[in-house]
Amino acid sequence: MNITRVAKTERLSRVVVHEKVAYFSGLTADDKSQDTIGQTEQILAKADAFLEKIGSNRALILSATIWLRDIEDFDAMNSAWTAWIDKDEPPARATVQAVLGLPDIRVEIQFTVALP
C-alpha cells in the first residue's frame, strides 16, 4: 500500500495521498485578524501550494467542505471562492456554519483532490 503524507506534525498530516486521491486536512488562515474574504483567500493560496506540491490542480478538486463561523459570511466567502475555482470543472461542495477550533477562525476548508 502506497500512502504519502505531506506536511506532517505530531497530530496530523496536512495532505494524505492514497491511490491517486489526496485528502486535505481542514485549512485555516495564518493571519486570523483578516476578515472572511482575507481568510478565505489565504486558505485558497495554501490549497494552491499543496496542489502544486502533489502535482494536481484546481480542475481536479473533487469536493470541498467549508465551515463558516457565521453563516452570514456566506456571500463574502463565496466572492473569494468564485474568483478562485476552476470555472469549467467546479467541485462538489458543502458549506455549513460551525463552532471552529479557535474564536478568531472565520473559515476552514477541507478538500478531496484527484491526482493526474
Protein backbone atom coordinates (compact mmCIF):
# COMPACT_ATOMS: atom_id res chain seq x y z
CA MET A 1 0.00 0.00 0.00
CA ASN A 2 1.45 3.35 -1.05
CA ILE A 3 0.46 6.26 1.20
CA THR A 4 2.23 9.63 1.09
CA ARG A 5 1.88 12.13 3.91
CA VAL A 6 2.65 15.81 3.31
CA ALA A 7 3.49 18.39 6.00
CA LYS A 8 3.24 16.00 8.94
CA THR A 9 3.06 17.13 12.55
CA GLU A 10 2.66 15.10 15.71
CA ARG A 11 -1.14 15.48 15.34
CA LEU A 12 -1.87 15.30 11.63
CA SER A 13 -0.73 15.37 8.04
CA ARG A 14 -1.87 18.39 6.02
CA VAL A 15 -2.37 16.13 2.99
CA VAL A 16 -2.57 12.35 2.70
CA VAL A 17 -2.30 10.79 -0.77
CA HIS A 18 -3.59 7.27 -1.41
CA GLU A 19 -4.27 5.65 -4.79
CA LYS A 20 -4.48 8.84 -6.88
CA VAL A 21 -6.64 10.70 -4.35
CA ALA A 22 -5.42 13.38 -1.95
CA TYR A 23 -7.24 14.17 1.27
CA PHE A 24 -6.50 17.61 2.73
CA SER A 25 -6.88 18.41 6.40
CA GLY A 26 -9.02 21.42 7.16
CA LEU A 27 -7.06 24.50 6.15
CA THR A 28 -7.29 27.80 8.01
CA ALA A 29 -5.72 31.21 7.51
CA ASP A 30 -2.39 32.06 9.10
CA ASP A 31 -3.39 35.70 9.67
CA LYS A 32 -6.59 35.26 11.61
CA SER A 33 -7.00 39.01 12.07
CA GLN A 34 -8.25 39.17 8.46
CA ASP A 35 -11.95 39.31 7.58
CA THR A 36 -13.76 36.41 5.93
CA ILE A 37 -12.61 37.31 2.42
CA GLY A 38 -8.99 37.70 3.56
CA GLN A 39 -9.03 34.41 5.46
CA THR A 40 -10.64 32.59 2.53
CA GLU A 41 -8.03 33.98 0.12
CA GLN A 42 -5.22 32.81 2.43
CA ILE A 43 -6.73 29.33 2.65
CA LEU A 44 -7.06 29.09 -1.12
CA ALA A 45 -3.44 30.18 -1.54
CA LYS A 46 -2.43 27.38 0.84
CA ALA A 47 -4.52 24.96 -1.20
CA ASP A 48 -2.71 26.10 -4.36
CA ALA A 49 0.65 25.42 -2.71
CA PHE A 50 -0.43 21.91 -1.67
CA LEU A 51 -1.93 21.24 -5.11
CA GLU A 52 1.38 22.17 -6.70
CA LYS A 53 3.32 20.05 -4.21
CA ILE A 54 1.28 16.94 -5.03
CA GLY A 55 1.21 17.59 -8.77
CA SER A 56 -2.50 18.34 -9.03
CA ASN A 57 -4.56 21.42 -9.88
CA ARG A 58 -7.88 23.18 -9.24
CA ALA A 59 -9.66 21.33 -12.07
CA LEU A 60 -9.02 18.05 -10.21
CA ILE A 61 -10.62 19.10 -6.93
CA LEU A 62 -13.37 16.55 -6.33
CA SER A 63 -15.04 18.09 -3.30
CA ALA A 64 -14.72 20.79 -0.69
CA THR A 65 -16.30 21.16 2.71
CA ILE A 66 -16.40 24.71 4.02
CA TRP A 67 -17.10 25.61 7.62
CA LEU A 68 -18.00 29.20 8.49
CA ARG A 69 -18.03 30.62 11.99
CA ASP A 70 -21.02 32.74 10.93
CA ILE A 71 -23.23 31.72 8.01
CA GLU A 72 -23.83 35.45 7.46
CA ASP A 73 -20.32 35.41 5.92
CA PHE A 74 -21.51 33.07 3.14
CA ASP A 75 -21.53 35.75 0.42
CA ALA A 76 -18.14 37.16 1.46
CA MET A 77 -16.55 33.70 1.40
CA ASN A 78 -18.21 32.98 -1.95
CA SER A 79 -16.70 36.10 -3.51
CA ALA A 80 -13.19 34.74 -2.89
CA TRP A 81 -14.20 31.15 -3.72
CA THR A 82 -15.85 32.03 -7.04
CA ALA A 83 -12.83 34.04 -8.16
CA TRP A 84 -10.56 31.06 -7.36
CA ILE A 85 -12.27 27.87 -8.52
CA ASP A 86 -11.86 26.36 -11.95
CA LYS A 87 -14.95 27.68 -13.75
CA ASP A 88 -15.12 24.71 -16.14
CA GLU A 89 -14.60 21.99 -13.51
CA PRO A 90 -16.12 23.16 -10.20
CA PRO A 91 -16.02 20.65 -7.33
CA ALA A 92 -18.87 19.27 -5.29
CA ARG A 93 -19.20 21.44 -2.21
CA ALA A 94 -20.94 21.80 1.12
CA THR A 95 -20.92 24.89 3.33
CA VAL A 96 -22.12 24.92 6.93
CA GLN A 97 -21.95 27.10 10.00
CA ALA A 98 -19.87 25.58 12.79
CA VAL A 99 -18.12 26.27 16.06
CA LEU A 100 -14.47 26.32 14.95
CA GLY A 101 -11.36 25.42 16.95
CA LEU A 102 -10.33 28.99 17.80
CA PRO A 103 -12.55 32.06 18.16
CA ASP A 104 -10.65 34.06 15.51
CA ILE A 105 -11.00 31.39 12.80
CA ARG A 106 -13.74 32.59 10.44
CA VAL A 107 -13.35 29.93 7.72
CA GLU A 108 -11.99 26.38 7.42
CA ILE A 109 -11.89 24.43 4.16
CA GLN A 110 -11.16 20.75 3.54
CA PHE A 111 -10.54 19.31 0.05
CA THR A 112 -10.53 15.93 -1.64
CA VAL A 113 -8.46 16.03 -4.83
CA ALA A 114 -7.73 13.64 -7.70
CA LEU A 115 -4.20 13.25 -8.98
CA PRO A 116 -3.49 13.21 -12.71
